[in-house]
Amino acid sequence: MPVAVETKVRLRFQDLTRQWKAQSRYLSNTAQMAMLWPYQQIIGLGAVAVPLILAELQRETDHWFWALQALTGENPVPSEVAGDVEAAAAAWLRWGREKGLDG
C-alpha cells in the first residue's frame, strides 16, 4: 500500500477509534458497542484495519473482538475464556503475532 494511502487509513482509523471510544464510554453491552457507527466504519475499512486494531489492542485492552472476527473470519479465543477481556485480548495478540500482523 502506498505510504500516503497507508497514512490516510491510519488517520481515519485513529479518528474513528476516538469517536467510538467517546460514544461507547458508558455502554456495557458489547453488541451495542459494536453497532455504533464509528465501529462499523472501522470494520468497513476492511483487512487493512486488522493490524491497526491489533496495535490498538496492544496499547489498550478494549472490545475489538467483534471487529477482528468480522474482518478475519476467525476467532482464536478459547471458549473457556469467553467474556474475559484480558484473556481474549491476549489470544488475539498471539494470533496476530502468529500471522505476522504485529508490525
N, C-alpha and C. Protein backbone atom coordinates (compact mmCIF):
# COMPACT_ATOMS: atom_id res chain seq x y z
N MET A 1 0.85 -1.17 0.00
CA MET A 1 0.00 0.00 0.00
C MET A 1 0.90 1.24 0.00
N PRO A 2 0.63 2.20 -0.88
CA PRO A 2 1.44 3.43 -0.90
C PRO A 2 1.38 4.13 0.46
N VAL A 3 2.48 4.78 0.82
CA VAL A 3 2.60 5.43 2.13
C VAL A 3 1.49 6.44 2.35
N ALA A 4 1.16 7.23 1.35
CA ALA A 4 0.11 8.25 1.50
C ALA A 4 -1.24 7.61 1.83
N VAL A 5 -1.54 6.50 1.18
CA VAL A 5 -2.80 5.80 1.43
C VAL A 5 -2.77 5.18 2.82
N GLU A 6 -1.64 4.58 3.18
CA GLU A 6 -1.48 3.96 4.50
C GLU A 6 -1.66 5.01 5.59
N THR A 7 -1.07 6.18 5.41
CA THR A 7 -1.21 7.26 6.38
C THR A 7 -2.66 7.72 6.48
N LYS A 8 -3.33 7.85 5.35
CA LYS A 8 -4.73 8.26 5.34
C LYS A 8 -5.60 7.25 6.08
N VAL A 9 -5.38 5.97 5.84
CA VAL A 9 -6.14 4.91 6.50
C VAL A 9 -5.87 4.95 8.00
N ARG A 10 -4.60 5.08 8.39
CA ARG A 10 -4.24 5.12 9.81
C ARG A 10 -4.90 6.32 10.50
N LEU A 11 -4.88 7.48 9.86
CA LEU A 11 -5.51 8.67 10.44
C LEU A 11 -7.02 8.50 10.55
N ARG A 12 -7.63 7.90 9.54
CA ARG A 12 -9.07 7.63 9.57
C ARG A 12 -9.39 6.67 10.71
N PHE A 13 -8.59 5.62 10.84
CA PHE A 13 -8.77 4.66 11.92
C PHE A 13 -8.67 5.35 13.28
N GLN A 14 -7.67 6.18 13.45
CA GLN A 14 -7.48 6.87 14.73
C GLN A 14 -8.66 7.79 15.04
N ASP A 15 -9.15 8.48 14.04
CA ASP A 15 -10.31 9.37 14.23
C ASP A 15 -11.55 8.56 14.61
N LEU A 16 -11.80 7.48 13.88
CA LEU A 16 -12.95 6.62 14.18
C LEU A 16 -12.83 5.98 15.55
N THR A 17 -11.63 5.59 15.92
CA THR A 17 -11.40 5.00 17.24
C THR A 17 -11.74 6.00 18.34
N ARG A 18 -11.29 7.24 18.19
CA ARG A 18 -11.62 8.28 19.19
C ARG A 18 -13.14 8.46 19.30
N GLN A 19 -13.81 8.51 18.15
CA GLN A 19 -15.26 8.66 18.16
C GLN A 19 -15.93 7.48 18.85
N TRP A 20 -15.50 6.26 18.50
CA TRP A 20 -16.10 5.06 19.08
C TRP A 20 -15.90 5.02 20.59
N LYS A 21 -14.69 5.33 21.04
CA LYS A 21 -14.43 5.29 22.49
C LYS A 21 -15.27 6.34 23.22
N ALA A 22 -15.45 7.49 22.62
CA ALA A 22 -16.28 8.52 23.25
C ALA A 22 -17.74 8.07 23.31
N GLN A 23 -18.23 7.47 22.24
CA GLN A 23 -19.64 7.06 22.18
C GLN A 23 -19.93 5.81 23.00
N SER A 24 -18.93 4.96 23.19
CA SER A 24 -19.16 3.69 23.91
C SER A 24 -18.77 3.78 25.38
N ARG A 25 -18.28 4.91 25.80
CA ARG A 25 -17.76 5.08 27.16
C ARG A 25 -18.69 4.54 28.24
N TYR A 26 -19.99 4.78 28.11
CA TYR A 26 -20.94 4.40 29.16
C TYR A 26 -21.76 3.16 28.80
N LEU A 27 -21.33 2.44 27.77
CA LEU A 27 -22.04 1.22 27.39
C LEU A 27 -21.33 0.01 27.99
N SER A 28 -22.11 -0.98 28.40
CA SER A 28 -21.51 -2.21 28.90
C SER A 28 -21.83 -3.40 27.98
N ASN A 29 -22.79 -3.22 27.10
CA ASN A 29 -23.20 -4.27 26.18
C ASN A 29 -22.32 -4.22 24.94
N THR A 30 -21.55 -5.29 24.71
CA THR A 30 -20.61 -5.29 23.59
C THR A 30 -21.31 -5.25 22.24
N ALA A 31 -22.50 -5.82 22.15
CA ALA A 31 -23.24 -5.74 20.88
C ALA A 31 -23.61 -4.29 20.58
N GLN A 32 -24.02 -3.55 21.59
CA GLN A 32 -24.33 -2.13 21.39
C GLN A 32 -23.08 -1.36 20.98
N MET A 33 -21.95 -1.69 21.61
CA MET A 33 -20.68 -1.03 21.26
C MET A 33 -20.33 -1.28 19.80
N ALA A 34 -20.52 -2.52 19.37
CA ALA A 34 -20.16 -2.91 18.00
C ALA A 34 -21.09 -2.32 16.96
N MET A 35 -22.29 -1.94 17.36
CA MET A 35 -23.24 -1.38 16.41
C MET A 35 -23.09 0.13 16.24
N LEU A 36 -22.24 0.75 17.04
CA LEU A 36 -22.03 2.19 16.89
C LEU A 36 -21.41 2.48 15.52
N TRP A 37 -21.83 3.59 14.94
CA TRP A 37 -21.41 3.94 13.58
C TRP A 37 -19.88 3.97 13.40
N PRO A 38 -19.10 4.57 14.31
CA PRO A 38 -17.65 4.57 14.10
C PRO A 38 -17.05 3.16 14.07
N TYR A 39 -17.56 2.27 14.91
CA TYR A 39 -17.07 0.89 14.94
C TYR A 39 -17.38 0.21 13.62
N GLN A 40 -18.58 0.42 13.12
CA GLN A 40 -18.97 -0.16 11.83
C GLN A 40 -18.11 0.40 10.69
N GLN A 41 -17.77 1.67 10.79
CA GLN A 41 -16.89 2.28 9.78
C GLN A 41 -15.49 1.68 9.83
N ILE A 42 -15.02 1.34 11.03
CA ILE A 42 -13.72 0.68 11.16
C ILE A 42 -13.77 -0.68 10.48
N ILE A 43 -14.81 -1.44 10.71
CA ILE A 43 -14.97 -2.73 10.02
C ILE A 43 -14.99 -2.50 8.51
N GLY A 44 -15.64 -1.42 8.09
CA GLY A 44 -15.72 -1.09 6.67
C GLY A 44 -14.38 -0.77 6.03
N LEU A 45 -13.37 -0.47 6.82
CA LEU A 45 -12.03 -0.24 6.26
C LEU A 45 -11.46 -1.52 5.66
N GLY A 46 -11.98 -2.66 6.11
CA GLY A 46 -11.51 -3.93 5.57
C GLY A 46 -10.27 -4.45 6.27
N ALA A 47 -9.61 -5.39 5.63
CA ALA A 47 -8.48 -6.11 6.20
C ALA A 47 -7.34 -5.19 6.62
N VAL A 48 -7.21 -4.03 6.00
CA VAL A 48 -6.13 -3.11 6.39
C VAL A 48 -6.29 -2.64 7.84
N ALA A 49 -7.49 -2.77 8.38
CA ALA A 49 -7.74 -2.34 9.76
C ALA A 49 -7.22 -3.35 10.77
N VAL A 50 -7.02 -4.60 10.37
CA VAL A 50 -6.64 -5.63 11.34
C VAL A 50 -5.35 -5.29 12.08
N PRO A 51 -4.24 -4.98 11.39
CA PRO A 51 -3.03 -4.64 12.15
C PRO A 51 -3.19 -3.37 12.99
N LEU A 52 -4.01 -2.45 12.54
CA LEU A 52 -4.26 -1.23 13.31
C LEU A 52 -5.03 -1.55 14.58
N ILE A 53 -6.02 -2.43 14.48
CA ILE A 53 -6.78 -2.86 15.65
C ILE A 53 -5.88 -3.61 16.62
N LEU A 54 -5.05 -4.50 16.10
CA LEU A 54 -4.15 -5.26 16.97
C LEU A 54 -3.18 -4.33 17.70
N ALA A 55 -2.68 -3.32 17.01
CA ALA A 55 -1.78 -2.35 17.66
C ALA A 55 -2.53 -1.58 18.75
N GLU A 56 -3.76 -1.22 18.48
CA GLU A 56 -4.59 -0.52 19.47
C GLU A 56 -4.87 -1.45 20.66
N LEU A 57 -5.13 -2.70 20.38
CA LEU A 57 -5.40 -3.69 21.43
C LEU A 57 -4.15 -3.91 22.29
N GLN A 58 -3.00 -3.85 21.67
CA GLN A 58 -1.73 -3.96 22.41
C GLN A 58 -1.56 -2.75 23.34
N ARG A 59 -1.92 -1.59 22.84
CA ARG A 59 -1.78 -0.35 23.60
C ARG A 59 -2.78 -0.27 24.74
N GLU A 60 -4.03 -0.68 24.46
CA GLU A 60 -5.09 -0.59 25.46
C GLU A 60 -6.13 -1.67 25.18
N THR A 61 -6.36 -2.52 26.16
CA THR A 61 -7.35 -3.59 26.02
C THR A 61 -8.73 -2.97 25.90
N ASP A 62 -9.47 -3.38 24.87
CA ASP A 62 -10.82 -2.89 24.66
C ASP A 62 -11.59 -3.92 23.84
N HIS A 63 -12.82 -3.65 23.56
CA HIS A 63 -13.72 -4.61 22.90
C HIS A 63 -13.59 -4.58 21.38
N TRP A 64 -12.47 -5.03 20.87
CA TRP A 64 -12.22 -5.08 19.44
C TRP A 64 -12.54 -6.44 18.83
N PHE A 65 -12.98 -7.37 19.63
CA PHE A 65 -13.08 -8.76 19.19
C PHE A 65 -14.13 -8.98 18.11
N TRP A 66 -15.24 -8.27 18.19
CA TRP A 66 -16.30 -8.37 17.18
C TRP A 66 -15.72 -7.96 15.82
N ALA A 67 -15.02 -6.83 15.79
CA ALA A 67 -14.44 -6.34 14.53
C ALA A 67 -13.39 -7.31 14.00
N LEU A 68 -12.53 -7.78 14.89
CA LEU A 68 -11.49 -8.71 14.44
C LEU A 68 -12.09 -9.98 13.85
N GLN A 69 -13.11 -10.50 14.50
CA GLN A 69 -13.75 -11.71 13.98
C GLN A 69 -14.44 -11.43 12.65
N ALA A 70 -15.10 -10.27 12.55
CA ALA A 70 -15.78 -9.91 11.30
C ALA A 70 -14.78 -9.75 10.15
N LEU A 71 -13.64 -9.16 10.45
CA LEU A 71 -12.64 -8.89 9.41
C LEU A 71 -11.82 -10.11 9.01
N THR A 72 -11.62 -11.03 9.96
CA THR A 72 -10.73 -12.16 9.67
C THR A 72 -11.47 -13.48 9.44
N GLY A 73 -12.71 -13.55 9.91
CA GLY A 73 -13.44 -14.81 9.83
C GLY A 73 -12.91 -15.84 10.82
N GLU A 74 -12.10 -15.40 11.76
CA GLU A 74 -11.50 -16.31 12.74
C GLU A 74 -11.88 -15.88 14.15
N ASN A 75 -11.69 -16.78 15.09
CA ASN A 75 -11.89 -16.48 16.50
C ASN A 75 -10.93 -17.33 17.31
N PRO A 76 -9.75 -16.80 17.64
CA PRO A 76 -8.76 -17.58 18.37
C PRO A 76 -9.00 -17.63 19.89
N VAL A 77 -10.10 -17.06 20.36
CA VAL A 77 -10.36 -17.01 21.79
C VAL A 77 -10.97 -18.34 22.24
N PRO A 78 -10.30 -19.06 23.12
CA PRO A 78 -10.85 -20.33 23.61
C PRO A 78 -12.17 -20.10 24.34
N SER A 79 -13.10 -21.01 24.18
CA SER A 79 -14.43 -20.85 24.78
C SER A 79 -14.36 -20.72 26.30
N GLU A 80 -13.37 -21.33 26.92
CA GLU A 80 -13.29 -21.27 28.38
C GLU A 80 -12.92 -19.87 28.90
N VAL A 81 -12.44 -18.98 28.04
CA VAL A 81 -12.13 -17.62 28.49
C VAL A 81 -13.07 -16.58 27.87
N ALA A 82 -14.11 -17.04 27.21
CA ALA A 82 -15.09 -16.11 26.62
C ALA A 82 -15.61 -15.19 27.72
N GLY A 83 -15.64 -13.92 27.43
CA GLY A 83 -16.10 -12.93 28.40
C GLY A 83 -14.97 -12.31 29.21
N ASP A 84 -13.79 -12.89 29.17
CA ASP A 84 -12.62 -12.35 29.87
C ASP A 84 -11.86 -11.48 28.86
N VAL A 85 -12.03 -10.18 28.99
CA VAL A 85 -11.48 -9.24 28.00
C VAL A 85 -9.96 -9.34 27.92
N GLU A 86 -9.30 -9.45 29.06
CA GLU A 86 -7.83 -9.55 29.06
C GLU A 86 -7.36 -10.82 28.36
N ALA A 87 -8.01 -11.94 28.66
CA ALA A 87 -7.63 -13.21 28.03
C ALA A 87 -7.94 -13.21 26.54
N ALA A 88 -9.06 -12.61 26.16
CA ALA A 88 -9.42 -12.51 24.74
C ALA A 88 -8.41 -11.64 24.00
N ALA A 89 -8.01 -10.54 24.62
CA ALA A 89 -7.01 -9.66 24.00
C ALA A 89 -5.70 -10.42 23.81
N ALA A 90 -5.28 -11.17 24.83
CA ALA A 90 -4.05 -11.95 24.72
C ALA A 90 -4.14 -12.98 23.59
N ALA A 91 -5.29 -13.61 23.45
CA ALA A 91 -5.47 -14.61 22.38
C ALA A 91 -5.37 -13.96 21.01
N TRP A 92 -6.00 -12.81 20.84
CA TRP A 92 -5.94 -12.11 19.56
C TRP A 92 -4.53 -11.60 19.26
N LEU A 93 -3.84 -11.10 20.27
CA LEU A 93 -2.48 -10.61 20.05
C LEU A 93 -1.54 -11.77 19.69
N ARG A 94 -1.74 -12.90 20.32
CA ARG A 94 -0.97 -14.11 19.98
C ARG A 94 -1.26 -14.51 18.53
N TRP A 95 -2.55 -14.49 18.15
CA TRP A 95 -2.97 -14.80 16.78
C TRP A 95 -2.27 -13.85 15.80
N GLY A 96 -2.27 -12.56 16.13
CA GLY A 96 -1.64 -11.57 15.26
C GLY A 96 -0.15 -11.82 15.07
N ARG A 97 0.53 -12.17 16.16
CA ARG A 97 1.96 -12.49 16.07
C ARG A 97 2.18 -13.70 15.16
N GLU A 98 1.34 -14.72 15.33
CA GLU A 98 1.46 -15.94 14.52
C GLU A 98 1.23 -15.65 13.04
N LYS A 99 0.37 -14.67 12.75
CA LYS A 99 0.07 -14.30 11.36
C LYS A 99 1.02 -13.24 10.81
N GLY A 100 1.94 -12.75 11.66
CA GLY A 100 2.88 -11.73 11.23
C GLY A 100 2.25 -10.35 11.12
N LEU A 101 1.21 -10.12 11.90
CA LEU A 101 0.49 -8.84 11.82
C LEU A 101 0.77 -7.93 13.01
N ASP A 102 1.83 -8.20 13.72
CA ASP A 102 2.12 -7.40 14.90
C ASP A 102 3.05 -6.23 14.62
N GLY A 103 3.28 -5.95 13.36
CA GLY A 103 4.08 -4.79 12.99
C GLY A 103 5.53 -5.10 13.10
